[in-house]
């Protein structure tokens, strides 16, 4: 019976010579014994871990070679064992054991041996990835989510309804999108609505403001880096924004401002859907959608050599044009009432707009589009003493872009950036005058304006420093 069992194991090994090659390729140690516990086979990994010689152990009882071995008990009982700790001299390892069955009978047993040092190394590697995953999950769940849906896009004009209908349609596919339009038209709201209208709605929406990325740090911000990848690298490395957006959407706002060399790397990501972190040799596959946003003519920039032509044609395959406020005049009253109603709700007041104020609203050209309209309405509401807004309070630095009958424009309008800055400054100063500048007051102001307390502090600090200079 014993010889027959040994013969069966030997025949099985001979008939499957390729199995030996596979076992030899395993880094872990492998030992096979017959029904009596005699050693039939060991691979190179086992010899390396245990420090034994094949000639000295093949054919000998395992109990002699390894006193206290558990494999004979496994063969006898037919029940496998996992994670048995063994130490022989300086060698420490963990053994998994299982019986070998042939035609319903136990004909031997097999042990797989793994060094403790290797297990510890794997454990440290696993711990590192668990930590990164925990950090990533925390960041994603608290910061990167899209608030707006298509229901939040206000307007009834043919232009805006056509844009919404097209956006709803492309939200259902999974292609990358280019959103174009003047500054302040609500391009990011469209991007968020597309994300929330897609199959990725439950996953991260990661907005990236390209102009704020430092030219020397763009790649590390977008793709991340390994621990010690370069001098000054954060301990533990950094998760890039593309990895944060995995399975979701990443929005590249003002994509035309990306450095030229970075545009080539973005093109590769769009084509291959793979990203390599700084300091890593291998690329990692990502599943995400890219929405690029711009207020500039990328075709013109590409012909001027300021934007990669191949990237332009890659992005331009699916383009959404968001109309300007000037082209949707019929929405002016709807938007004005909407912004005023929101302000009244936040501040617990009820205001209406006088005919004279409506005349000013309708006669102004609104070069800053919806963003400018929103700021101006809120600014006028803050400065309104009674219950009726008689005049739209445009700051002196905000002349009308069109003249009223009988008037001529004496000075050209300032840049949109300056218009927005001056409006924000006037509104926040009015809020400080009304509520005070204590910490609690600042919290109330930040909450009502829909910004963080840190943003409020930064803006106030910036204006104060500019006044001194």
Protein backbone atom coordinates (compact mmCIF):
# COMPACT_ATOMS: atom_id res chain seq x y z
CA UNK A 1 0.00 0.00 0.00
CA UNK A 2 2.80 2.35 0.93
CA UNK A 3 4.76 1.60 -2.22
CA UNK A 4 1.61 1.93 -4.31
CA UNK A 5 0.85 5.33 -2.86
CA UNK A 6 4.41 6.42 -3.54
CA UNK A 7 4.15 5.09 -7.08
CA UNK A 8 0.90 6.97 -7.64
CA UNK A 9 2.50 10.23 -6.57
CA UNK A 10 5.55 9.48 -8.75
CA UNK A 11 3.42 8.65 -11.78
CA UNK A 12 1.39 11.84 -11.33
CA UNK A 13 4.60 13.87 -11.15
CA UNK A 14 6.03 12.16 -14.26
CA UNK A 15 2.87 12.66 -16.30
CA UNK A 16 2.83 16.35 -15.47
CA UNK A 17 6.46 17.36 -15.88
CA UNK A 18 5.35 20.91 -16.68
CA UNK A 19 3.95 21.12 -13.15
CA UNK A 20 7.47 20.80 -11.77
CA UNK A 21 8.58 23.75 -13.87
CA UNK A 22 5.72 25.81 -12.51
CA UNK A 23 6.49 24.86 -8.91
CA UNK A 24 10.17 25.69 -9.39
CA UNK A 25 9.16 29.16 -10.54
CA UNK A 26 7.40 29.82 -7.21
CA UNK A 27 9.41 32.01 -4.84
CA UNK A 28 7.88 30.34 -1.79
CA UNK A 29 9.14 26.94 -0.66
CA UNK A 30 7.18 23.82 -1.67
CA UNK A 31 7.55 20.34 -0.12
CA UNK A 32 5.58 17.21 -1.07
CA UNK A 33 5.48 14.05 1.06
CA UNK A 34 3.87 10.64 0.48
CA UNK A 35 1.23 8.99 2.68
CA UNK A 36 3.88 7.82 5.16
CA UNK A 37 5.40 11.25 5.52
CA UNK A 38 8.48 10.53 3.40
CA UNK A 39 9.76 13.48 1.37
CA UNK A 40 9.12 13.05 -2.38
CA UNK A 41 9.87 16.49 -3.73
CA UNK A 42 11.13 19.97 -2.74
CA UNK A 43 11.61 23.02 -4.94
CA UNK A 44 14.50 25.46 -4.98
CA UNK A 45 12.57 27.96 -2.87
CA UNK A 46 12.26 25.43 -0.03
CA UNK A 47 15.98 24.65 -0.10
CA UNK A 48 16.89 28.32 -0.09
CA UNK A 49 14.61 29.14 2.86
CA UNK A 50 15.57 26.13 5.00
CA UNK A 51 19.24 25.93 3.99
CA UNK A 52 18.95 22.16 3.31
CA UNK A 53 20.36 20.06 0.48
CA UNK A 54 18.03 18.09 -1.82
CA UNK A 55 20.32 15.03 -1.77
CA UNK A 56 20.11 14.84 2.02
CA UNK A 57 16.32 14.91 2.37
CA UNK A 58 14.63 13.25 -0.63
CA UNK A 59 13.25 9.85 0.35
CA UNK A 60 13.76 10.42 4.07
CA UNK A 61 10.95 10.74 6.65
CA UNK A 62 9.96 14.35 7.26
CA UNK A 63 9.92 13.69 11.01
CA UNK A 64 13.69 13.11 10.88
CA UNK A 65 14.51 16.11 8.75
CA UNK A 66 12.12 18.45 10.55
CA UNK A 67 11.36 17.16 14.08
CA UNK A 68 7.98 18.41 15.19
CA UNK A 69 6.70 18.84 11.64
CA UNK A 70 2.89 19.09 11.44
CA UNK A 71 2.53 17.79 7.87
CA UNK A 72 2.40 14.10 8.93
CA UNK A 73 -0.56 14.97 11.19
CA UNK A 74 -2.26 16.73 8.27
CA UNK A 75 -1.77 13.65 6.06
CA UNK A 76 -3.16 11.38 8.76
CA UNK A 77 -6.16 13.56 9.68
CA UNK A 78 -6.93 14.87 6.22
CA UNK A 79 -7.39 18.40 7.61
CA UNK A 80 -5.26 21.27 6.34
CA UNK A 81 -3.43 23.78 8.53
CA UNK A 82 -2.69 27.45 7.80
CA UNK A 83 -0.09 29.86 9.13
CA UNK A 84 1.96 27.47 11.29
CA UNK A 85 5.05 29.26 12.61
CA UNK A 86 8.37 27.36 12.35
CA UNK A 87 11.92 28.25 13.30
CA UNK A 88 15.03 26.24 12.44
CA UNK A 89 18.27 27.92 13.48
CA UNK A 90 18.14 31.44 12.09
CA UNK A 91 15.41 30.61 9.60
CA UNK A 92 11.90 31.77 10.54
CA UNK A 93 9.00 30.95 8.31
CA UNK A 94 5.27 30.28 8.15
CA UNK A 95 3.88 27.05 6.69
CA UNK A 96 0.53 26.25 5.03
CA UNK A 97 -0.25 22.51 4.71
CA UNK A 98 -2.90 20.43 2.94
CA UNK A 99 -3.46 16.72 2.21
CA UNK A 100 -3.16 15.42 -1.35
CA UNK A 101 -6.10 13.27 -2.47
CA UNK A 102 -6.19 10.91 -5.44
CA UNK A 103 -9.33 8.98 -6.38
CA UNK A 104 -10.78 9.76 -2.97
CA UNK A 105 -7.78 8.58 -0.97
CA UNK A 106 -5.11 10.59 0.81
CA UNK A 107 -1.82 9.78 -0.94
CA UNK A 108 0.38 12.47 0.57
CA UNK A 109 0.60 16.06 1.69
CA UNK A 110 2.01 19.39 0.52
CA UNK A 111 3.57 22.28 2.45
CA UNK A 112 4.15 25.81 1.21
CA UNK A 113 6.72 27.80 3.15
CA UNK A 114 7.04 31.60 3.29
CA UNK A 115 9.86 33.47 5.05
CA UNK A 116 8.85 35.74 7.94
CA UNK A 117 10.95 38.56 6.46
CA UNK A 118 9.02 38.31 3.19
CA UNK A 119 5.69 38.33 5.05
CA UNK A 120 6.78 41.41 7.01
CA UNK A 121 7.82 43.16 3.80
CA UNK A 122 4.46 42.35 2.20
CA UNK A 123 2.70 43.53 5.35
CA UNK A 124 4.52 46.87 5.25
CA UNK A 125 3.69 47.27 1.58
CA UNK A 126 0.04 46.48 2.24
CA UNK A 127 -0.03 48.89 5.17
CA UNK A 128 1.36 51.62 2.93
CA UNK A 129 -1.39 51.14 0.34
CA UNK A 130 -4.08 50.88 3.00
CA UNK A 131 -2.88 54.18 4.44
CA UNK A 132 -2.89 55.80 1.01
CA UNK A 133 -6.35 54.44 0.30
CA UNK A 134 -7.63 55.71 3.66
CA UNK A 135 -6.12 59.14 2.99
CA UNK A 136 -7.56 59.23 -0.50
CA UNK A 137 -11.02 58.13 0.65
CA UNK A 138 -11.03 60.80 3.36
CA UNK A 139 -10.02 63.54 0.95
CA UNK A 140 -12.49 62.50 -1.71
CA UNK A 141 -15.46 62.16 0.65
CA UNK A 142 -14.95 65.58 2.24
CA UNK A 143 -13.89 67.77 -0.67
CA UNK A 144 -14.48 66.44 -4.16
CA UNK A 145 -18.17 66.34 -4.88
CA UNK A 146 -20.30 68.16 -7.44
CA UNK A 147 -23.14 70.32 -6.08
CA UNK A 148 -24.96 71.44 -9.20
CA UNK A 149 -27.38 69.58 -11.44
CA UNK A 150 -29.16 70.63 -14.63
CA UNK A 151 -32.08 71.85 -12.48
CA UNK A 152 -29.78 74.53 -11.04
CA UNK A 153 -29.16 76.13 -14.44
CA UNK A 154 -31.54 79.10 -14.56
CA UNK A 155 -32.92 80.47 -17.82
CA UNK A 156 -35.61 80.04 -20.44
CA UNK A 157 -33.96 81.53 -23.53
CA UNK A 158 -33.52 79.29 -26.60
CA UNK A 159 -29.73 79.55 -26.30
CA UNK A 160 -29.48 78.28 -22.73
CA UNK A 161 -32.13 75.58 -23.17
CA UNK A 162 -30.32 74.30 -26.27
CA UNK A 163 -27.04 74.18 -24.32
CA UNK A 164 -28.71 72.32 -21.44
CA UNK A 165 -30.35 69.80 -23.78
CA UNK A 166 -27.02 69.09 -25.47
CA UNK A 167 -25.24 68.79 -22.10
CA UNK A 168 -27.86 66.32 -20.85
CA UNK A 169 -27.29 64.21 -23.92
CA UNK A 170 -23.49 64.10 -23.72
CA UNK A 171 -23.67 63.41 -19.98
CA UNK A 172 -24.97 59.94 -20.85
CA UNK A 173 -21.87 59.01 -22.84
CA UNK A 174 -18.40 58.68 -21.34
CA UNK A 175 -16.31 60.79 -23.71
CA UNK A 176 -14.06 63.68 -22.71
CA UNK A 177 -15.66 67.12 -23.16
CA UNK A 178 -14.47 70.64 -23.96
CA UNK A 179 -16.68 73.41 -22.52
CA UNK A 180 -16.17 76.85 -24.10
CA UNK A 181 -17.63 80.23 -23.25
CA UNK A 182 -16.87 83.68 -21.94
CA UNK A 183 -15.74 84.11 -18.36
CA UNK A 184 -18.61 84.13 -15.88
CA UNK A 185 -21.12 82.24 -18.05
CA UNK A 186 -21.38 79.25 -15.69
CA UNK A 187 -19.11 76.72 -17.40
CA UNK A 188 -18.22 74.96 -14.14
CA UNK A 189 -21.91 74.63 -13.26
CA UNK A 190 -22.39 72.84 -16.57
CA UNK A 191 -19.38 70.61 -15.83
CA UNK A 192 -20.79 69.64 -12.43
CA UNK A 193 -24.23 69.04 -13.90
CA UNK A 194 -22.76 66.77 -16.58
CA UNK A 195 -20.93 64.80 -13.91
CA UNK A 196 -24.08 64.47 -11.77
CA UNK A 197 -26.09 63.47 -14.83
CA UNK A 198 -23.66 60.68 -15.73
CA UNK A 199 -23.04 57.16 -14.45
CA UNK A 200 -20.10 58.61 -12.44
CA UNK A 201 -22.32 60.79 -10.24
CA UNK A 202 -21.49 58.90 -7.04
CA UNK A 203 -17.75 59.18 -7.66
CA UNK A 204 -15.36 62.17 -7.20
CA UNK A 205 -15.64 65.40 -9.17
CA UNK A 206 -12.20 67.03 -9.01
CA UNK A 207 -11.91 70.66 -10.20
CA UNK A 208 -8.42 71.86 -11.12
CA UNK A 209 -7.75 75.57 -11.62
CA UNK A 210 -4.86 75.35 -14.09
CA UNK A 211 -3.57 78.97 -13.75
CA UNK A 212 -2.98 78.48 -9.99
CA UNK A 213 -0.66 75.51 -10.55
CA UNK A 214 2.98 76.52 -10.13
CA UNK A 215 4.88 75.82 -13.35
CA UNK A 216 7.46 73.65 -11.57
CA UNK A 217 4.87 71.69 -9.59
CA UNK A 218 2.18 71.03 -12.20
CA UNK A 219 3.16 67.41 -12.79
CA UNK A 220 3.43 66.58 -9.08
CA UNK A 221 0.03 68.18 -8.37
CA UNK A 222 -1.72 66.37 -11.21
CA UNK A 223 0.07 63.00 -11.14
CA UNK A 224 1.50 62.85 -7.59
CA UNK A 225 4.85 61.46 -6.49
CA UNK A 226 6.46 58.67 -4.48
CA UNK A 227 8.11 59.10 -1.10
CA UNK A 228 11.57 60.66 -1.65
CA UNK A 229 10.97 61.26 -5.37
CA UNK A 230 12.77 64.62 -5.19
CA UNK A 231 14.28 67.06 -2.73
CA UNK A 232 11.54 68.57 -0.61
CA UNK A 233 9.03 65.82 -1.42
CA UNK A 234 6.49 65.22 1.33
CA UNK A 235 7.15 62.15 3.46
CA UNK A 236 4.93 59.33 2.32
CA UNK A 237 4.51 60.85 -1.15
CA UNK A 238 1.45 62.58 -2.53
CA UNK A 239 -1.69 61.42 -4.28
CA UNK A 240 -2.09 63.28 -7.58
CA UNK A 241 -5.41 64.83 -8.55
CA UNK A 242 -5.80 62.43 -11.47
CA UNK A 243 -5.65 59.52 -9.02
CA UNK A 244 -8.16 61.28 -6.74
CA UNK A 245 -10.53 61.48 -9.72
CA UNK A 246 -10.21 57.77 -10.58
CA UNK A 247 -13.65 56.37 -11.52
CA UNK A 248 -15.01 59.92 -11.49
CA UNK A 249 -14.47 63.20 -13.36
CA UNK A 250 -11.60 65.68 -13.41
CA UNK A 251 -12.33 69.22 -14.60
CA UNK A 252 -9.38 71.20 -15.98
CA UNK A 253 -10.50 74.82 -15.66
CA UNK A 254 -8.77 77.29 -17.98
CA UNK A 255 -6.93 74.44 -19.66
CA UNK A 256 -5.22 76.89 -22.03
CA UNK A 257 -3.04 77.99 -19.10
CA UNK A 258 -1.35 74.60 -18.76
CA UNK A 259 2.41 74.80 -19.52
CA UNK A 260 3.20 73.66 -23.07
CA UNK A 261 5.27 70.64 -21.99
CA UNK A 262 2.49 69.55 -19.64
CA UNK A 263 0.02 69.63 -22.53
CA UNK A 264 1.92 66.75 -24.17
CA UNK A 265 1.63 64.68 -21.00
CA UNK A 266 -2.08 65.47 -20.76
CA UNK A 267 -2.54 64.30 -24.35
CA UNK A 268 -0.89 60.98 -23.49
CA UNK A 269 -3.19 60.55 -20.48
CA UNK A 270 -6.22 61.22 -22.68
CA UNK A 271 -5.05 58.67 -25.23
CA UNK A 272 -3.68 55.91 -23.00
CA UNK A 273 -5.69 56.42 -19.80
CA UNK A 274 -2.52 55.72 -17.81
CA UNK A 275 -0.57 57.91 -15.38
CA UNK A 276 2.94 57.55 -13.96
CA UNK A 277 3.65 59.15 -10.60
CA UNK A 278 6.95 60.96 -10.22
CA UNK A 279 9.49 58.50 -8.86
CA UNK A 280 7.64 55.39 -10.10
CA UNK A 281 8.75 53.28 -13.06
CA UNK A 282 5.37 51.80 -13.98
CA UNK A 283 2.22 53.49 -15.22
CA UNK A 284 -1.11 52.92 -13.53
CA UNK A 285 -4.36 52.62 -15.43
CA UNK A 286 -7.11 55.09 -14.52
CA UNK A 287 -10.81 55.15 -15.29
CA UNK A 288 -11.91 58.76 -15.45
CA UNK A 289 -13.57 61.38 -17.58
CA UNK A 290 -11.83 64.66 -18.42
CA UNK A 291 -13.80 67.88 -18.83
CA UNK A 292 -11.63 70.73 -20.12
CA UNK A 293 -12.93 74.29 -19.69
CA UNK A 294 -11.73 77.44 -21.44
CA UNK A 295 -12.75 81.01 -22.18
CA UNK A 296 -10.17 81.30 -24.95
CA UNK A 297 -10.08 80.28 -28.60
CA UNK A 298 -7.88 77.18 -28.49
CA UNK A 299 -7.71 76.93 -32.30
CA UNK A 300 -6.25 80.45 -32.51
CA UNK A 301 -3.81 79.68 -29.71
CA UNK A 302 -2.73 76.46 -31.44
CA UNK A 303 -2.01 78.33 -34.69
CA UNK A 304 0.03 80.84 -32.66
CA UNK A 305 2.04 77.99 -31.14
CA UNK A 306 0.70 78.63 -27.63
CA UNK A 307 -1.43 75.49 -27.41
CA UNK A 308 -0.69 72.05 -28.81
CA UNK A 309 -2.64 71.49 -32.00
CA UNK A 310 -2.91 67.72 -31.43
CA UNK A 311 -4.32 68.31 -27.93
CA UNK A 312 -6.81 70.83 -29.33
CA UNK A 313 -8.18 68.35 -31.86
CA UNK A 314 -8.29 65.64 -29.19
CA UNK A 315 -10.35 67.88 -26.86
CA UNK A 316 -12.47 69.45 -29.60
CA UNK A 317 -14.13 66.15 -30.55
CA UNK A 318 -17.06 66.92 -28.23
CA UNK A 319 -17.55 70.62 -27.51
CA UNK A 320 -20.24 72.42 -25.52
CA UNK A 321 -20.66 76.17 -26.08
CA UNK A 322 -22.16 78.06 -23.13
CA UNK A 323 -23.90 81.25 -24.34
CA UNK A 324 -23.03 84.68 -22.96
CA UNK A 325 -25.55 86.71 -20.99
CA UNK A 326 -25.56 89.30 -23.79
CA UNK A 327 -26.92 86.64 -26.17
CA UNK A 328 -29.70 85.64 -23.77
CA UNK A 329 -31.22 89.00 -22.75
CA UNK A 330 -34.58 87.39 -22.09
CA UNK A 331 -32.98 85.57 -19.13
CA UNK A 332 -31.79 88.80 -17.47
CA UNK A 333 -34.95 89.33 -15.42
CA UNK A 334 -35.20 85.63 -14.48
CA UNK A 335 -31.60 85.55 -13.25
CA UNK A 336 -31.93 88.84 -11.38
CA UNK A 337 -35.00 87.65 -9.49
CA UNK A 338 -33.28 84.33 -8.81
CA UNK A 339 -30.15 85.90 -7.29
CA UNK A 340 -32.18 88.39 -5.27
CA UNK A 341 -34.43 85.61 -3.92
CA UNK A 342 -31.37 83.59 -2.87
CA UNK A 343 -29.87 86.61 -1.13
CA UNK A 344 -33.13 87.38 0.70
CA UNK A 345 -33.41 83.79 1.88
CA UNK A 346 -29.87 83.81 3.27
CA UNK A 347 -30.28 87.16 5.00
CA UNK A 348 -33.86 86.93 6.22
CA UNK A 349 -35.04 90.01 4.31
CA UNK A 350 -37.57 90.74 1.58
CA UNK A 351 -36.55 93.16 -1.18
CA UNK A 352 -38.06 94.20 -4.49
CA UNK A 353 -36.53 96.02 -7.46
CA UNK A 354 -37.79 99.46 -8.54
CA UNK A 355 -38.44 100.32 -12.19
CA UNK A 356 -35.43 102.67 -12.23
CA UNK A 357 -33.17 99.83 -11.12
CA UNK A 358 -34.65 97.55 -13.78
CA UNK A 359 -33.81 100.19 -16.38
CA UNK A 360 -30.17 100.17 -15.26
CA UNK A 361 -30.08 96.36 -15.35
CA UNK A 362 -31.52 96.19 -18.85
CA UNK A 363 -29.30 98.94 -20.25
CA UNK A 364 -26.01 97.51 -18.99
CA UNK A 365 -24.02 95.20 -21.27
CA UNK A 366 -22.87 92.78 -18.52
CA UNK A 367 -19.42 91.91 -19.92
CA UNK A 368 -18.80 89.79 -16.80
CA UNK A 369 -21.88 87.71 -17.61
CA UNK A 370 -23.80 85.83 -14.89
CA UNK A 371 -21.02 86.08 -12.32
CA UNK A 372 -20.97 89.86 -12.63
CA UNK A 373 -24.78 90.08 -12.45
CA UNK A 374 -24.85 87.97 -9.29
CA UNK A 375 -22.22 90.10 -7.55
CA UNK A 376 -23.90 93.36 -8.51
CA UNK A 377 -27.36 92.26 -7.36
CA UNK A 378 -25.98 91.05 -4.03
CA UNK A 379 -23.92 94.23 -3.62
CA UNK A 380 -26.98 96.39 -4.29
CA UNK A 381 -29.03 94.33 -1.82
CA UNK A 382 -26.45 94.74 0.95
CA UNK A 383 -26.47 98.52 0.49
CA UNK A 384 -30.25 98.81 0.29
CA UNK A 385 -31.59 100.64 3.38
CA UNK A 386 -35.32 100.00 2.87
CA UNK A 387 -37.28 97.27 1.19
CA UNK A 388 -36.90 98.46 -2.41
CA UNK A 389 -33.75 98.58 -4.52
CA UNK A 390 -34.01 101.89 -6.40
CA UNK A 391 -30.54 101.84 -7.88
CA UNK A 392 -28.14 99.17 -8.97
CA UNK A 393 -24.90 100.03 -7.20
CA UNK A 394 -22.19 99.59 -9.79
CA UNK A 395 -18.78 100.51 -8.34
CA UNK A 396 -17.13 103.55 -9.93
CA UNK A 397 -14.62 101.24 -11.52
CA UNK A 398 -17.45 99.52 -13.37
CA UNK A 399 -18.68 101.85 -16.15
CA UNK A 400 -21.45 100.64 -18.41
CA UNK A 401 -20.23 98.91 -21.57
CA UNK A 402 -23.14 100.51 -23.50
CA UNK A 403 -24.37 104.06 -23.25
CA UNK A 404 -27.85 105.14 -22.34
CA UNK A 405 -29.72 107.26 -24.92
CA UNK A 406 -27.94 110.60 -25.32
CA UNK A 407 -24.81 109.40 -23.48
CA UNK A 408 -21.33 108.57 -24.69
CA UNK A 409 -18.86 106.27 -23.03
CA UNK A 410 -16.05 108.41 -21.67
CA UNK A 411 -13.77 105.60 -20.49
CA UNK A 412 -13.31 102.00 -21.60
CA UNK A 413 -14.46 99.25 -19.23
CA UNK A 414 -11.84 97.69 -16.99
CA UNK A 415 -10.76 94.05 -17.16
CA UNK A 416 -13.25 91.46 -15.97
CA UNK A 417 -10.82 90.37 -13.28
CA UNK A 418 -10.69 93.89 -11.82
CA UNK A 419 -14.48 94.23 -12.07
CA UNK A 420 -15.01 91.02 -10.09
CA UNK A 421 -12.32 91.96 -7.51
CA UNK A 422 -13.83 95.38 -6.90
CA UNK A 423 -17.33 93.97 -6.59
CA UNK A 424 -16.20 91.27 -4.14
CA UNK A 425 -14.30 93.85 -2.12
CA UNK A 426 -17.27 96.21 -1.92
CA UNK A 427 -19.67 93.44 -0.88
CA UNK A 428 -17.36 92.06 1.82
CA UNK A 429 -16.58 95.54 3.19
CA UNK A 430 -20.31 96.20 3.40
CA UNK A 431 -20.75 92.93 5.29
CA UNK A 432 -17.98 93.86 7.75
CA UNK A 433 -19.63 97.24 8.30
CA UNK A 434 -22.94 95.55 9.04
CA UNK A 435 -21.81 92.57 11.15
CA UNK A 436 -18.44 93.66 12.55
CA UNK A 437 -15.08 91.92 12.32
CA UNK A 438 -15.16 89.49 15.27
CA UNK A 439 -14.51 85.80 14.65
CA UNK A 440 -18.21 84.96 14.98
CA UNK A 441 -19.09 87.80 12.61
CA UNK A 442 -16.59 86.52 10.07
CA UNK A 443 -18.10 83.04 10.30
CA UNK A 444 -21.56 84.49 9.60
CA UNK A 445 -20.22 86.52 6.66
CA UNK A 446 -18.38 83.55 5.15
CA UNK A 447 -21.47 81.36 5.51
CA UNK A 448 -23.76 83.91 3.87
CA UNK A 449 -21.34 84.49 0.99
CA UNK A 450 -20.89 80.76 0.46
CA UNK A 451 -17.10 80.82 0.95
CA UNK A 452 -14.79 79.29 3.53
CA UNK A 453 -13.52 81.28 6.50
CA UNK A 454 -9.97 80.83 5.16
CA UNK A 455 -10.99 82.39 1.82
CA UNK A 456 -12.52 85.37 3.62
CA UNK A 457 -9.32 85.88 5.64
CA UNK A 458 -7.15 85.60 2.52
CA UNK A 459 -9.17 88.17 0.60
CA UNK A 460 -9.19 90.63 3.52
CA UNK A 461 -5.42 90.15 3.99
CA UNK A 462 -4.79 90.68 0.28
CA UNK A 463 -6.75 93.95 0.19
CA UNK A 464 -5.08 95.20 3.36
CA UNK A 465 -1.60 94.54 1.96
CA UNK A 466 -2.45 96.27 -1.32
CA UNK A 467 -3.70 99.34 0.54
CA UNK A 468 -0.38 99.58 2.42
CA UNK A 469 1.62 99.29 -0.77
